[in-house]
Amino acid sequence: MGERSADNIFAVVLPELTDADVIELVKDELAKTFTLLKRTAATIIDSAPIILIEDATREEADSLRKHFKDVTGATLSVHLRSELDGQWPRLSWPKRPAVLRELLSAAGQTANSENRFGEVEYVESNVGVREMILDAEGGKEAAMQTAATAEEPAPPPSPKPAPKKRAIPDFMKKQEDENDTFAYNVFLSGVPSEAKKQRAIELICELKGISELEASELMTRTIIPIAKDLTKAQSEEIEKLFQESRLNVRVMKKNK
């Protein structure tokens, strides 16, 4: 494919979804179209709004939007890549999955037709790269086999002694900041050791008011959502709490 100007490169964005039925349909279709495990597709939905493709032609972008509208009822949005403000997370594809290439072939996508699967990278604006789960070995058959295996329910983790019950901190109660046009989401990723993982579980229990078992299940995700739609002050308080335990969180902002 020849070089294109910035005015001809488009990004396709998955918006934040609220309808439970639509979310299930979108999760299934993301897994199928992008050759992902369903738990990876669920992480993508939790991270919305998120850029699914950022280097599409207009025809490809419109084709993908129509496909998702017809199959799931969800309306993807299309933007000139040059107009994006850099605040949304995005998926970066070193090589588009074969199923996606086939879907877009009618819209003129013919380059790079090898039946191989590239590694999916989860990119958070200005805070580095986080890898999501995808089998990059063995081509389509191995990837589909991996996805099928992932659908089998995993045994629940062994319960650990519950931390001392604490009330949700006052700063976590719903707040509004009329002077700030942004809302803030806080994520945790890349916990390196079991000791720090246990400390993260205790903090999540305290902040979200959930059981240790629920927090342990959250910790199995690649990207762990801590809290959404916060004020800047709330996000800074959470960041400070985790930093005191030498745990790094990622704070992302979005327009209200």
Protein backbone atom coordinates (compact mmCIF):
# COMPACT_ATOMS: atom_id res chain seq x y z
CA MET A 1 0.00 0.00 0.00
CA GLY A 2 1.43 3.36 -1.00
CA GLU A 3 2.14 6.22 1.33
CA ARG A 4 -0.94 8.22 2.33
CA SER A 5 -1.34 11.73 3.62
CA ALA A 6 -2.61 12.39 7.15
CA ASP A 7 -5.89 13.61 5.64
CA ASN A 8 -6.56 10.11 4.27
CA ILE A 9 -5.75 8.03 7.38
CA PHE A 10 -8.66 7.18 9.65
CA ALA A 11 -9.11 5.70 13.11
CA VAL A 12 -12.02 3.49 14.18
CA VAL A 13 -13.08 3.91 17.82
CA LEU A 14 -15.11 1.62 20.07
CA PRO A 15 -17.16 3.90 22.37
CA GLU A 16 -18.00 3.17 25.99
CA LEU A 17 -20.89 0.69 26.07
CA THR A 18 -23.66 0.46 28.69
CA ASP A 19 -26.18 -2.05 27.32
CA ALA A 20 -25.35 -5.53 28.68
CA ASP A 21 -26.75 -7.34 25.63
CA VAL A 22 -24.75 -5.17 23.23
CA ILE A 23 -21.61 -5.66 25.32
CA GLU A 24 -21.89 -9.45 25.01
CA LEU A 25 -22.39 -9.22 21.24
CA VAL A 26 -19.46 -6.83 20.86
CA LYS A 27 -17.23 -9.08 23.00
CA ASP A 28 -18.03 -12.05 20.76
CA GLU A 29 -17.48 -10.06 17.58
CA LEU A 30 -14.20 -8.51 18.76
CA ALA A 31 -12.92 -11.98 19.60
CA LYS A 32 -13.96 -13.29 16.17
CA THR A 33 -12.97 -10.32 13.97
CA PHE A 34 -9.65 -9.54 15.68
CA THR A 35 -8.79 -13.18 16.57
CA LEU A 36 -8.67 -12.54 20.31
CA LEU A 37 -9.43 -14.49 23.44
CA LYS A 38 -12.76 -13.42 24.88
CA ARG A 39 -11.14 -12.28 28.12
CA THR A 40 -8.93 -9.99 26.01
CA ALA A 41 -11.99 -8.67 24.20
CA ALA A 42 -13.61 -7.99 27.59
CA THR A 43 -10.53 -5.99 28.66
CA ILE A 44 -10.78 -3.91 25.48
CA ILE A 45 -14.45 -3.14 26.22
CA ASP A 46 -13.60 -2.19 29.81
CA SER A 47 -11.00 0.24 28.44
CA ALA A 48 -13.40 2.01 26.03
CA PRO A 49 -13.42 4.46 24.44
CA ILE A 50 -10.52 2.79 22.65
CA ILE A 51 -9.08 2.97 19.15
CA LEU A 52 -9.44 -0.40 17.42
CA ILE A 53 -7.60 0.57 14.21
CA GLU A 54 -5.69 3.79 13.66
CA ASP A 55 -4.40 3.38 10.09
CA ALA A 56 -7.49 2.61 8.00
CA THR A 57 -8.62 3.99 4.67
CA ARG A 58 -12.02 5.67 4.62
CA GLU A 59 -13.48 2.62 2.87
CA GLU A 60 -12.02 0.24 5.46
CA ALA A 61 -13.27 2.35 8.36
CA ASP A 62 -16.80 2.58 6.94
CA SER A 63 -16.81 -1.15 6.18
CA LEU A 64 -15.82 -2.07 9.76
CA ARG A 65 -18.36 0.36 11.24
CA LYS A 66 -21.17 -1.09 9.08
CA HIS A 67 -20.17 -4.65 9.97
CA PHE A 68 -20.30 -3.99 13.74
CA LYS A 69 -23.58 -2.09 13.43
CA ASP A 70 -25.20 -4.95 11.49
CA VAL A 71 -23.90 -7.71 13.79
CA THR A 72 -23.95 -6.13 17.27
CA GLY A 73 -26.00 -2.93 17.08
CA ALA A 74 -23.00 -0.97 18.43
CA THR A 75 -22.02 2.19 16.56
CA LEU A 76 -18.27 2.57 16.10
CA SER A 77 -17.05 6.09 15.38
CA VAL A 78 -14.64 7.11 12.62
CA HIS A 79 -12.17 9.99 12.97
CA LEU A 80 -9.30 11.42 11.01
CA ARG A 81 -6.27 10.13 12.88
CA SER A 82 -4.69 13.58 12.76
CA GLU A 83 -7.63 15.00 14.76
CA LEU A 84 -7.37 12.65 17.75
CA ASP A 85 -6.24 14.31 20.97
CA GLY A 86 -4.04 11.43 22.15
CA GLN A 87 -6.11 10.76 25.31
CA TRP A 88 -7.68 7.47 24.18
CA PRO A 89 -5.95 4.11 24.54
CA ARG A 90 -5.43 2.22 21.30
CA LEU A 91 -4.63 -1.20 19.90
CA SER A 92 -1.48 -1.29 17.79
CA TRP A 93 -1.30 -4.01 15.14
CA PRO A 94 2.17 -4.86 13.75
CA LYS A 95 0.21 -7.17 11.42
CA ARG A 96 -3.57 -7.26 11.11
CA PRO A 97 -5.17 -10.63 11.95
CA ALA A 98 -6.28 -12.69 8.94
CA VAL A 99 -9.99 -12.54 9.82
CA LEU A 100 -9.86 -8.74 9.92
CA ARG A 101 -7.98 -8.61 6.61
CA GLU A 102 -10.63 -10.83 5.03
CA LEU A 103 -13.43 -8.63 6.35
CA LEU A 104 -11.81 -5.50 4.94
CA SER A 105 -10.74 -7.06 1.63
CA ALA A 106 -13.94 -5.91 -0.09
CA ALA A 107 -13.05 -2.35 0.92
CA GLY A 108 -9.70 -2.55 -0.89
CA GLN A 109 -7.42 -4.00 1.83
CA THR A 110 -5.19 -6.45 -0.06
CA ALA A 111 -1.70 -5.90 1.37
CA ASN A 112 0.03 -8.31 3.73
CA SER A 113 -2.09 -11.38 3.03
CA GLU A 114 0.02 -13.94 4.90
CA ASN A 115 -2.07 -16.04 7.26
CA ARG A 116 -0.18 -15.11 10.43
CA PHE A 117 -1.12 -13.46 13.65
CA GLY A 118 0.73 -10.52 15.15
CA GLU A 119 1.07 -9.68 18.82
CA VAL A 120 -1.51 -7.21 20.13
CA GLU A 121 -0.10 -4.26 22.01
CA TYR A 122 -2.20 -2.26 24.47
CA VAL A 123 -0.99 1.32 24.34
CA GLU A 124 -1.90 3.91 26.96
CA SER A 125 -1.24 7.49 25.89
CA ASN A 126 2.11 8.76 27.21
CA VAL A 127 2.56 5.93 29.71
CA GLY A 128 4.07 3.11 27.65
CA VAL A 129 3.08 -0.23 26.17
CA ARG A 130 1.22 -3.11 27.79
CA GLU A 131 0.91 -6.46 26.02
CA MET A 132 -2.49 -8.15 25.86
CA ILE A 133 -2.99 -11.91 25.67
CA LEU A 134 -2.82 -13.49 22.20
CA ASP A 135 -1.19 -16.65 20.92
CA ALA A 136 1.25 -15.50 18.23
CA GLU A 137 2.44 -19.01 17.34
CA GLY A 138 1.09 -21.55 14.91
CA GLY A 139 -1.21 -19.52 12.69
CA LYS A 140 -5.01 -19.50 12.59
CA GLU A 141 -5.57 -23.07 13.81
CA ALA A 142 -3.50 -22.59 16.95
CA ALA A 143 -5.09 -19.22 17.69
CA MET A 144 -8.63 -20.59 17.33
CA GLN A 145 -7.72 -23.59 19.50
CA THR A 146 -6.35 -21.25 22.17
CA ALA A 147 -9.55 -19.18 22.06
CA ALA A 148 -11.70 -22.32 22.43
CA THR A 149 -9.66 -23.48 25.41
CA ALA A 150 -10.06 -20.08 27.05
CA GLU A 151 -13.84 -20.50 27.09
CA GLU A 152 -13.60 -23.37 29.58
CA PRO A 153 -14.24 -22.00 33.06
CA ALA A 154 -11.06 -21.84 35.11
CA PRO A 155 -11.17 -23.13 38.69
CA PRO A 156 -11.56 -20.30 41.20
CA PRO A 157 -8.41 -19.28 43.08
CA SER A 158 -7.98 -20.70 46.55
CA PRO A 159 -9.47 -18.28 49.08
CA LYS A 160 -6.91 -16.43 51.18
CA PRO A 161 -7.47 -14.97 54.62
CA ALA A 162 -9.58 -11.87 54.15
CA PRO A 163 -7.93 -8.58 55.07
CA LYS A 164 -9.37 -6.61 57.92
CA LYS A 165 -12.65 -5.08 56.79
CA ARG A 166 -12.38 -1.36 56.21
CA ALA A 167 -14.94 1.18 55.10
CA ILE A 168 -14.52 2.77 51.69
CA PRO A 169 -12.41 5.92 52.15
CA ASP A 170 -14.32 9.20 52.14
CA PHE A 171 -12.43 10.44 49.10
CA MET A 172 -13.86 7.53 47.04
CA LYS A 173 -17.44 8.68 47.55
CA LYS A 174 -19.02 10.32 44.51
CA GLN A 175 -17.65 13.79 43.87
CA GLU A 176 -18.00 16.44 41.19
CA ASP A 177 -15.52 19.05 40.03
CA GLU A 178 -17.37 21.56 37.88
CA ASN A 179 -14.10 23.32 36.98
CA ASP A 180 -12.61 20.23 35.35
CA THR A 181 -13.86 19.18 31.92
CA PHE A 182 -12.29 15.73 32.25
CA ALA A 183 -13.13 12.53 34.12
CA TYR A 184 -10.29 10.23 35.24
CA ASN A 185 -9.94 6.44 35.05
CA VAL A 186 -7.31 4.54 37.04
CA PHE A 187 -5.80 1.21 35.93
CA LEU A 188 -3.18 -1.11 37.39
CA SER A 189 -0.92 -3.39 35.34
CA GLY A 190 2.33 -5.28 35.51
CA VAL A 191 2.42 -6.36 39.19
CA PRO A 192 5.82 -8.11 39.39
CA SER A 193 5.68 -10.26 42.55
CA GLU A 194 3.26 -12.25 44.68
CA ALA A 195 3.89 -10.00 47.69
CA LYS A 196 3.01 -6.88 45.72
CA LYS A 197 0.04 -8.69 44.16
CA GLN A 198 -1.32 -9.42 47.64
CA ARG A 199 -0.84 -5.77 48.64
CA ALA A 200 -2.65 -4.69 45.48
CA ILE A 201 -5.54 -7.01 46.37
CA GLU A 202 -5.79 -5.43 49.83
CA LEU A 203 -5.85 -1.92 48.34
CA ILE A 204 -8.50 -2.87 45.79
CA CYS A 205 -10.65 -4.40 48.57
CA GLU A 206 -10.33 -1.16 50.54
CA LEU A 207 -11.02 1.19 47.65
CA LYS A 208 -13.86 -0.74 46.00
CA GLY A 209 -15.43 -2.32 49.11
CA ILE A 210 -15.32 -5.82 47.59
CA SER A 211 -14.23 -9.22 48.90
CA GLU A 212 -10.70 -10.55 48.55
CA LEU A 213 -11.97 -13.27 46.21
CA GLU A 214 -13.49 -10.63 43.91
CA ALA A 215 -10.28 -8.60 44.03
CA SER A 216 -8.23 -11.73 43.25
CA GLU A 217 -10.36 -12.34 40.17
CA LEU A 218 -9.76 -8.76 39.04
CA MET A 219 -6.02 -9.35 39.39
CA THR A 220 -6.17 -12.08 36.72
CA ARG A 221 -6.78 -9.41 34.06
CA THR A 222 -3.96 -7.95 31.99
CA ILE A 223 -5.19 -4.42 32.68
CA ILE A 224 -6.96 -4.08 36.08
CA PRO A 225 -9.61 -1.33 36.35
CA ILE A 226 -9.39 0.33 39.76
CA ALA A 227 -11.97 3.12 39.42
CA LYS A 228 -13.67 5.12 36.67
CA ASP A 229 -15.15 8.60 36.26
CA LEU A 230 -13.18 10.17 39.11
CA THR A 231 -12.16 13.74 39.79
CA LYS A 232 -8.49 14.62 39.40
CA ALA A 233 -8.11 14.84 43.20
CA GLN A 234 -9.56 11.35 43.64
CA SER A 235 -7.24 9.86 41.01
CA GLU A 236 -4.24 11.50 42.69
CA GLU A 237 -5.23 10.06 46.08
CA ILE A 238 -5.40 6.56 44.57
CA GLU A 239 -2.08 7.03 42.80
CA LYS A 240 -0.48 8.09 46.09
CA LEU A 241 -1.86 5.05 47.94
CA PHE A 242 -0.42 2.64 45.39
CA GLN A 243 2.91 4.47 45.15
CA GLU A 244 3.34 4.11 48.91
CA SER A 245 3.32 0.33 48.31
CA ARG A 246 5.64 0.71 45.30
CA LEU A 247 2.85 -0.10 42.87
CA ASN A 248 2.35 2.02 39.78
CA VAL A 249 -1.10 2.86 38.45
CA ARG A 250 -1.99 4.51 35.16
CA VAL A 251 -4.30 7.52 35.19
CA MET A 252 -6.14 8.28 31.96
CA LYS A 253 -8.46 11.19 31.39
CA LYS A 254 -11.39 11.55 29.03
CA ASN A 255 -13.83 14.29 28.20
CA LYS A 256 -16.95 14.28 30.38
